[in-house]
Amino acid sequence: NLEELKKISSYIEDPNPVDINNPIIYIYNSHQLENYDNSNLDIYGITPNVLMASYLLKEKLNSRGLSTIVEDANLSNFLTLNSWDYASSYKASRIFILDKKNMYSSLKYFIDIHRDSVSKDVTTVNIEGKDYARILFVVGLEHNNYKENLKTMETINNISNKYYPGLSRGIYKKEGVGVDGIYNQDISPNSILIEVGGVENNIDEVLNTTEAISNILYYYIKGDINE
């Protein structure tokens, strides 16, 4: 429920905006206000959310030489202005995806960052003494080219399992009544939906995971270092 999320979470401006001329990665959040645990941040009145996670990932990717931009338009306001309900989030994000795709012909990868709502014991893993918010890949099966998206996510998932065993919860294939089933993945074979952690994960665990994802994507795009 969008109104309930607005009571918990809020839109966050990019704290570190940079000009990217020829980005290859576009990160966005169909559900911008999906929040994380605000332990240690509540005294500042800050509730971390997936938009914050996207900004963190952007910085990691740019530092690795993978030119990345984040959609910083306020999608919640966009829904409200159009009198669309929360179920129309993917319709809203699609408009911005296509706009950026037309604006930057260099874009090759489209990454939708979400967070799950299951318990922390499911969404957290310790790898070599460091706690991570686990990731889950989601692929919609209700469009003609879903096999290409599935192949992309299988490759990335395999890299994750190789370098960060236990980080990935696998690939969730979705279709049928009550789900979107496409998730805008018909736009590109490199359209990727990643659930990063869950509602009980804190920002430190999410930060560790953005570091891992940046490495995983680097290996996927530039080539696995141990192939």
C-alpha atoms as a PDB file:
ATOM      1  CA  ASN A   1       0.000   0.000   0.000  1.00  0.00           C
ATOM      2  CA  LEU A   2       1.623   3.215  -1.201  1.00  0.00           C
ATOM      3  CA  GLU A   3       0.089   5.391   1.485  1.00  0.00           C
ATOM      4  CA  GLU A   4       1.314   3.066   4.232  1.00  0.00           C
ATOM      5  CA  LEU A   5       4.818   3.015   2.735  1.00  0.00           C
ATOM      6  CA  LYS A   6       4.842   6.822   2.654  1.00  0.00           C
ATOM      7  CA  LYS A   7       4.359   6.825   6.438  1.00  0.00           C
ATOM      8  CA  ILE A   8       7.510   4.721   6.870  1.00  0.00           C
ATOM      9  CA  SER A   9       9.753   5.664   3.964  1.00  0.00           C
ATOM     10  CA  SER A  10      10.323   8.727   1.828  1.00  0.00           C
ATOM     11  CA  TYR A  11      11.908   9.765  -1.443  1.00  0.00           C
ATOM     12  CA  ILE A  12      15.660  10.330  -1.189  1.00  0.00           C
ATOM     13  CA  GLU A  13      17.630  12.635  -3.449  1.00  0.00           C
ATOM     14  CA  ASP A  14      20.939  11.395  -4.819  1.00  0.00           C
ATOM     15  CA  PRO A  15      23.530  12.542  -2.249  1.00  0.00           C
ATOM     16  CA  ASN A  16      26.339  12.240  -4.797  1.00  0.00           C
ATOM     17  CA  PRO A  17      25.064  13.276  -8.243  1.00  0.00           C
ATOM     18  CA  VAL A  18      27.566  12.951 -11.072  1.00  0.00           C
ATOM     19  CA  ASP A  19      27.316  13.629 -14.795  1.00  0.00           C
ATOM     20  CA  ILE A  20      27.609  10.462 -16.870  1.00  0.00           C
ATOM     21  CA  ASN A  21      27.809  10.992 -20.621  1.00  0.00           C
ATOM     22  CA  ASN A  22      27.570   7.451 -21.966  1.00  0.00           C
ATOM     23  CA  PRO A  23      26.112   5.219 -19.259  1.00  0.00           C
ATOM     24  CA  ILE A  24      25.848   1.505 -19.894  1.00  0.00           C
ATOM     25  CA  ILE A  25      23.861   0.632 -16.739  1.00  0.00           C
ATOM     26  CA  TYR A  26      20.541   2.132 -15.690  1.00  0.00           C
ATOM     27  CA  ILE A  27      19.360   1.390 -12.151  1.00  0.00           C
ATOM     28  CA  TYR A  28      15.799   2.123 -11.137  1.00  0.00           C
ATOM     29  CA  ASN A  29      13.240   1.140  -8.504  1.00  0.00           C
ATOM     30  CA  SER A  30       9.707   0.316  -9.546  1.00  0.00           C
ATOM     31  CA  HIS A  31       8.934   0.401  -5.812  1.00  0.00           C
ATOM     32  CA  GLN A  32      11.136   3.268  -4.594  1.00  0.00           C
ATOM     33  CA  LEU A  33       9.847   3.341  -1.016  1.00  0.00           C
ATOM     34  CA  GLU A  34      10.491  -0.295  -0.074  1.00  0.00           C
ATOM     35  CA  ASN A  35      12.304   0.209   3.207  1.00  0.00           C
ATOM     36  CA  TYR A  36      14.975  -1.467   5.301  1.00  0.00           C
ATOM     37  CA  ASP A  37      15.490  -1.572   9.058  1.00  0.00           C
ATOM     38  CA  ASN A  38      16.473   1.846  10.400  1.00  0.00           C
ATOM     39  CA  SER A  39      18.482   0.662  13.420  1.00  0.00           C
ATOM     40  CA  ASN A  40      21.194   3.214  14.287  1.00  0.00           C
ATOM     41  CA  LEU A  41      19.628   5.668  11.843  1.00  0.00           C
ATOM     42  CA  ASP A  42      16.305   6.398  13.551  1.00  0.00           C
ATOM     43  CA  ILE A  43      17.931   9.116  15.677  1.00  0.00           C
ATOM     44  CA  TYR A  44      18.627  10.949  12.412  1.00  0.00           C
ATOM     45  CA  GLY A  45      15.078  10.445  11.182  1.00  0.00           C
ATOM     46  CA  ILE A  46      16.352   8.359   8.262  1.00  0.00           C
ATOM     47  CA  THR A  47      14.711   5.172   7.018  1.00  0.00           C
ATOM     48  CA  PRO A  48      16.941   3.545   4.398  1.00  0.00           C
ATOM     49  CA  ASN A  49      15.186   2.187   1.339  1.00  0.00           C
ATOM     50  CA  VAL A  50      15.891   0.642  -2.056  1.00  0.00           C
ATOM     51  CA  LEU A  51      16.508   4.052  -3.591  1.00  0.00           C
ATOM     52  CA  MET A  52      19.374   4.532  -1.148  1.00  0.00           C
ATOM     53  CA  ALA A  53      20.637   1.048  -2.059  1.00  0.00           C
ATOM     54  CA  SER A  54      20.573   2.046  -5.736  1.00  0.00           C
ATOM     55  CA  TYR A  55      22.688   5.137  -5.080  1.00  0.00           C
ATOM     56  CA  LEU A  56      25.203   3.012  -3.160  1.00  0.00           C
ATOM     57  CA  LEU A  57      25.365   0.478  -5.986  1.00  0.00           C
ATOM     58  CA  LYS A  58      25.785   3.251  -8.547  1.00  0.00           C
ATOM     59  CA  GLU A  59      28.839   4.564  -6.722  1.00  0.00           C
ATOM     60  CA  LYS A  60      30.372   1.082  -6.526  1.00  0.00           C
ATOM     61  CA  LEU A  61      29.806   0.436 -10.226  1.00  0.00           C
ATOM     62  CA  ASN A  62      31.146   3.804 -11.338  1.00  0.00           C
ATOM     63  CA  SER A  63      34.243   3.279  -9.209  1.00  0.00           C
ATOM     64  CA  ARG A  64      34.806   0.032 -11.129  1.00  0.00           C
ATOM     65  CA  GLY A  65      34.596   1.827 -14.469  1.00  0.00           C
ATOM     66  CA  LEU A  66      31.041   0.698 -15.270  1.00  0.00           C
ATOM     67  CA  SER A  67      29.235   3.932 -16.175  1.00  0.00           C
ATOM     68  CA  THR A  68      25.959   3.907 -14.258  1.00  0.00           C
ATOM     69  CA  ILE A  69      22.999   6.208 -13.701  1.00  0.00           C
ATOM     70  CA  VAL A  70      20.076   5.923 -11.273  1.00  0.00           C
ATOM     71  CA  GLU A  71      16.508   6.997 -11.954  1.00  0.00           C
ATOM     72  CA  ASP A  72      16.003   9.773  -9.422  1.00  0.00           C
ATOM     73  CA  ALA A  73      12.528  10.912 -10.466  1.00  0.00           C
ATOM     74  CA  ASN A  74       9.981  10.579  -7.669  1.00  0.00           C
ATOM     75  CA  LEU A  75       7.854   7.650  -8.884  1.00  0.00           C
ATOM     76  CA  SER A  76       5.495   7.837  -5.908  1.00  0.00           C
ATOM     77  CA  ASN A  77       4.565  11.401  -6.826  1.00  0.00           C
ATOM     78  CA  PHE A  78       4.250  10.326 -10.459  1.00  0.00           C
ATOM     79  CA  LEU A  79       1.729   7.649  -9.455  1.00  0.00           C
ATOM     80  CA  THR A  80      -0.227  10.140  -7.391  1.00  0.00           C
ATOM     81  CA  LEU A  81      -0.247  12.799 -10.125  1.00  0.00           C
ATOM     82  CA  ASN A  82      -1.653  10.268 -12.587  1.00  0.00           C
ATOM     83  CA  SER A  83      -4.153   8.858 -10.072  1.00  0.00           C
ATOM     84  CA  TRP A  84      -2.557   5.429 -10.486  1.00  0.00           C
ATOM     85  CA  ASP A  85      -2.540   2.880  -7.694  1.00  0.00           C
ATOM     86  CA  TYR A  86       0.505   1.004  -6.394  1.00  0.00           C
ATOM     87  CA  ALA A  87      -0.228  -1.882  -8.766  1.00  0.00           C
ATOM     88  CA  SER A  88       0.607   0.498 -11.626  1.00  0.00           C
ATOM     89  CA  SER A  89       4.221   0.893 -10.445  1.00  0.00           C
ATOM     90  CA  TYR A  90       5.650  -1.119 -13.331  1.00  0.00           C
ATOM     91  CA  LYS A  91       3.605   0.910 -15.818  1.00  0.00           C
ATOM     92  CA  ALA A  92       5.091   4.050 -14.270  1.00  0.00           C
ATOM     93  CA  SER A  93       8.685   2.818 -14.231  1.00  0.00           C
ATOM     94  CA  ARG A  94       8.342   1.660 -17.845  1.00  0.00           C
ATOM     95  CA  ILE A  95       7.784   5.259 -18.942  1.00  0.00           C
ATOM     96  CA  PHE A  96      11.048   6.322 -17.320  1.00  0.00           C
ATOM     97  CA  ILE A  97      12.963   3.299 -18.638  1.00  0.00           C
ATOM     98  CA  LEU A  98      11.952   4.044 -22.219  1.00  0.00           C
ATOM     99  CA  ASP A  99      12.735   7.729 -21.727  1.00  0.00           C
ATOM    100  CA  LYS A 100      16.275   6.932 -20.552  1.00  0.00           C
ATOM    101  CA  LYS A 101      16.690   4.320 -23.301  1.00  0.00           C
ATOM    102  CA  ASN A 102      15.851   6.973 -25.893  1.00  0.00           C
ATOM    103  CA  MET A 103      18.072   9.537 -24.181  1.00  0.00           C
ATOM    104  CA  TYR A 104      21.123   7.265 -23.897  1.00  0.00           C
ATOM    105  CA  SER A 105      21.714   4.878 -26.783  1.00  0.00           C
ATOM    106  CA  SER A 106      24.723   3.571 -24.826  1.00  0.00           C
ATOM    107  CA  LEU A 107      22.523   1.831 -22.212  1.00  0.00           C
ATOM    108  CA  LYS A 108      22.798  -1.957 -22.242  1.00  0.00           C
ATOM    109  CA  TYR A 109      21.731  -3.108 -18.776  1.00  0.00           C
ATOM    110  CA  PHE A 110      18.531  -2.233 -16.919  1.00  0.00           C
ATOM    111  CA  ILE A 111      18.427  -3.166 -13.237  1.00  0.00           C
ATOM    112  CA  ASP A 112      15.330  -2.911 -11.050  1.00  0.00           C
ATOM    113  CA  ILE A 113      16.261  -3.048  -7.342  1.00  0.00           C
ATOM    114  CA  HIS A 114      13.657  -4.253  -4.830  1.00  0.00           C
ATOM    115  CA  ARG A 115      13.663  -5.694  -1.338  1.00  0.00           C
ATOM    116  CA  ASP A 116      11.767  -8.744  -0.099  1.00  0.00           C
ATOM    117  CA  SER A 117       9.346  -8.936   2.829  1.00  0.00           C
ATOM    118  CA  VAL A 118      10.363 -12.311   4.284  1.00  0.00           C
ATOM    119  CA  SER A 119      12.148 -12.754   7.641  1.00  0.00           C
ATOM    120  CA  LYS A 120      15.782 -11.848   8.284  1.00  0.00           C
ATOM    121  CA  ASP A 121      16.936 -15.442   8.748  1.00  0.00           C
ATOM    122  CA  VAL A 122      15.971 -15.985   5.097  1.00  0.00           C
ATOM    123  CA  THR A 123      17.459 -12.742   3.756  1.00  0.00           C
ATOM    124  CA  THR A 124      20.799 -12.680   5.610  1.00  0.00           C
ATOM    125  CA  VAL A 125      24.004 -14.678   5.210  1.00  0.00           C
ATOM    126  CA  ASN A 126      27.453 -14.472   6.752  1.00  0.00           C
ATOM    127  CA  ILE A 127      30.299 -14.960   4.286  1.00  0.00           C
ATOM    128  CA  GLU A 128      33.822 -14.992   5.681  1.00  0.00           C
ATOM    129  CA  GLY A 129      32.771 -13.072   8.778  1.00  0.00           C
ATOM    130  CA  LYS A 130      30.735 -10.396   6.985  1.00  0.00           C
ATOM    131  CA  ASP A 131      26.933 -10.141   7.016  1.00  0.00           C
ATOM    132  CA  TYR A 132      25.193  -9.665   3.682  1.00  0.00           C
ATOM    133  CA  ALA A 133      21.608  -9.011   2.649  1.00  0.00           C
ATOM    134  CA  ARG A 134      20.887 -11.955   0.364  1.00  0.00           C
ATOM    135  CA  ILE A 135      19.745 -11.434  -3.215  1.00  0.00           C
ATOM    136  CA  LEU A 136      16.989 -13.051  -5.244  1.00  0.00           C
ATOM    137  CA  PHE A 137      16.590 -12.767  -9.009  1.00  0.00           C
ATOM    138  CA  VAL A 138      13.053 -12.494 -10.376  1.00  0.00           C
ATOM    139  CA  VAL A 139      12.125 -13.267 -13.969  1.00  0.00           C
ATOM    140  CA  GLY A 140       8.685 -12.822 -15.494  1.00  0.00           C
ATOM    141  CA  LEU A 141       7.562 -15.563 -17.859  1.00  0.00           C
ATOM    142  CA  GLU A 142       4.694 -13.734 -19.538  1.00  0.00           C
ATOM    143  CA  HIS A 143       6.414 -12.297 -22.592  1.00  0.00           C
ATOM    144  CA  ASN A 144       7.883 -13.897 -25.710  1.00  0.00           C
ATOM    145  CA  ASN A 145      11.553 -13.228 -24.963  1.00  0.00           C
ATOM    146  CA  TYR A 146      11.669 -14.309 -21.314  1.00  0.00           C
ATOM    147  CA  LYS A 147      14.168 -17.091 -22.096  1.00  0.00           C
ATOM    148  CA  GLU A 148      16.806 -14.472 -22.911  1.00  0.00           C
ATOM    149  CA  ASN A 149      16.216 -12.726 -19.578  1.00  0.00           C
ATOM    150  CA  LEU A 150      16.353 -16.071 -17.802  1.00  0.00           C
ATOM    151  CA  LYS A 151      19.661 -16.910 -19.471  1.00  0.00           C
ATOM    152  CA  THR A 152      21.105 -13.553 -18.378  1.00  0.00           C
ATOM    153  CA  MET A 153      20.048 -14.078 -14.772  1.00  0.00           C
ATOM    154  CA  GLU A 154      21.255 -17.686 -14.730  1.00  0.00           C
ATOM    155  CA  THR A 155      24.716 -16.526 -15.810  1.00  0.00           C
ATOM    156  CA  ILE A 156      24.817 -13.775 -13.181  1.00  0.00           C
ATOM    157  CA  ASN A 157      23.483 -16.152 -10.540  1.00  0.00           C
ATOM    158  CA  ASN A 158      26.235 -18.645 -11.356  1.00  0.00           C
ATOM    159  CA  ILE A 159      28.890 -15.932 -10.925  1.00  0.00           C
ATOM    160  CA  SER A 160      27.326 -14.992  -7.583  1.00  0.00           C
ATOM    161  CA  ASN A 161      27.428 -18.608  -6.417  1.00  0.00           C
ATOM    162  CA  LYS A 162      31.059 -18.895  -7.463  1.00  0.00           C
ATOM    163  CA  TYR A 163      32.389 -15.835  -5.641  1.00  0.00           C
ATOM    164  CA  TYR A 164      29.800 -15.346  -2.887  1.00  0.00           C
ATOM    165  CA  PRO A 165      28.376 -18.778  -2.043  1.00  0.00           C
ATOM    166  CA  GLY A 166      25.097 -18.421  -0.206  1.00  0.00           C
ATOM    167  CA  LEU A 167      24.507 -14.809  -1.222  1.00  0.00           C
ATOM    168  CA  SER A 168      21.923 -15.682  -3.859  1.00  0.00           C
ATOM    169  CA  ARG A 169      18.620 -17.280  -3.004  1.00  0.00           C
ATOM    170  CA  GLY A 170      18.277 -18.308  -6.647  1.00  0.00           C
ATOM    171  CA  ILE A 171      15.933 -17.304  -9.458  1.00  0.00           C
ATOM    172  CA  TYR A 172      12.218 -16.898  -8.870  1.00  0.00           C
ATOM    173  CA  LYS A 173      10.130 -17.434 -12.006  1.00  0.00           C
ATOM    174  CA  LYS A 174       6.781 -15.659 -11.887  1.00  0.00           C
ATOM    175  CA  GLU A 175       3.619 -15.901 -13.934  1.00  0.00           C
ATOM    176  CA  GLY A 176      -0.111 -16.255 -13.434  1.00  0.00           C
ATOM    177  CA  VAL A 177      -2.881 -14.502 -11.559  1.00  0.00           C
ATOM    178  CA  GLY A 178      -1.891 -11.756  -9.133  1.00  0.00           C
ATOM    179  CA  VAL A 179       1.615 -11.052 -10.465  1.00  0.00           C
ATOM    180  CA  ASP A 180       2.903  -8.661 -13.128  1.00  0.00           C
ATOM    181  CA  GLY A 181       4.562 -11.459 -15.086  1.00  0.00           C
ATOM    182  CA  ILE A 182       6.623  -9.136 -17.311  1.00  0.00           C
ATOM    183  CA  TYR A 183       8.334  -6.615 -14.998  1.00  0.00           C
ATOM    184  CA  ASN A 184       9.363  -4.569 -18.058  1.00  0.00           C
ATOM    185  CA  GLN A 185      11.859  -7.296 -18.941  1.00  0.00           C
ATOM    186  CA  ASP A 186      10.531  -7.373 -22.512  1.00  0.00           C
ATOM    187  CA  ILE A 187      12.442  -4.124 -23.054  1.00  0.00           C
ATOM    188  CA  SER A 188      15.858  -5.819 -23.085  1.00  0.00           C
ATOM    189  CA  PRO A 189      17.408  -9.278 -22.629  1.00  0.00           C
ATOM    190  CA  ASN A 190      19.582  -7.531 -20.042  1.00  0.00           C
ATOM    191  CA  SER A 191      16.643  -6.373 -17.928  1.00  0.00           C
ATOM    192  CA  ILE A 192      17.367  -7.688 -14.439  1.00  0.00           C
ATOM    193  CA  LEU A 193      15.192  -7.594 -11.320  1.00  0.00           C
ATOM    194  CA  ILE A 194      17.049  -8.144  -8.050  1.00  0.00           C
ATOM    195  CA  GLU A 195      15.520  -8.368  -4.594  1.00  0.00           C
ATOM    196  CA  VAL A 196      18.245  -7.064  -2.265  1.00  0.00           C
ATOM    197  CA  GLY A 197      17.635  -8.276   1.275  1.00  0.00           C
ATOM    198  CA  GLY A 198      14.403  -7.896   3.197  1.00  0.00           C
ATOM    199  CA  VAL A 199      12.575  -5.458   5.416  1.00  0.00           C
ATOM    200  CA  GLU A 200      14.626  -6.522   8.474  1.00  0.00           C
ATOM    201  CA  ASN A 201      18.046  -6.038   6.904  1.00  0.00           C
ATOM    202  CA  ASN A 202      20.032  -2.978   7.940  1.00  0.00           C
ATOM    203  CA  ILE A 203      21.931  -0.589   5.705  1.00  0.00           C
ATOM    204  CA  ASP A 204      25.332  -2.083   6.615  1.00  0.00           C
ATOM    205  CA  GLU A 205      24.249  -5.482   5.309  1.00  0.00           C
ATOM    206  CA  VAL A 206      22.808  -3.842   2.200  1.00  0.00           C
ATOM    207  CA  LEU A 207      26.041  -1.877   1.680  1.00  0.00           C
ATOM    208  CA  ASN A 208      28.069  -5.101   1.816  1.00  0.00           C
ATOM    209  CA  THR A 209      25.740  -6.573  -0.773  1.00  0.00           C
ATOM    210  CA  THR A 210      26.048  -3.621  -3.137  1.00  0.00           C
ATOM    211  CA  GLU A 211      29.811  -4.179  -3.060  1.00  0.00           C
ATOM    212  CA  ALA A 212      29.259  -7.835  -3.949  1.00  0.00           C
ATOM    213  CA  ILE A 213      26.773  -7.025  -6.720  1.00  0.00           C
ATOM    214  CA  SER A 214      29.184  -4.511  -8.238  1.00  0.00           C
ATOM    215  CA  ASN A 215      31.858  -7.217  -8.410  1.00  0.00           C
ATOM    216  CA  ILE A 216      29.427  -9.786  -9.800  1.00  0.00           C
ATOM    217  CA  LEU A 217      28.235  -7.405 -12.517  1.00  0.00           C
ATOM    218  CA  TYR A 218      31.812  -6.458 -13.332  1.00  0.00           C
ATOM    219  CA  TYR A 219      32.664 -10.128 -13.885  1.00  0.00           C
ATOM    220  CA  TYR A 220      29.522 -10.573 -15.972  1.00  0.00           C
ATOM    221  CA  ILE A 221      30.113  -7.544 -18.191  1.00  0.00           C
ATOM    222  CA  LYS A 222      33.897  -7.584 -18.415  1.00  0.00           C
ATOM    223  CA  GLY A 223      34.404 -11.328 -18.173  1.00  0.00           C
ATOM    224  CA  ASP A 224      34.783 -13.716 -15.261  1.00  0.00           C
ATOM    225  CA  ILE A 225      38.356 -13.291 -14.012  1.00  0.00           C
ATOM    226  CA  ASN A 226      38.825 -17.018 -13.610  1.00  0.00           C
ATOM    227  CA  GLU A 227      37.226 -18.269 -16.805  1.00  0.00           C
END
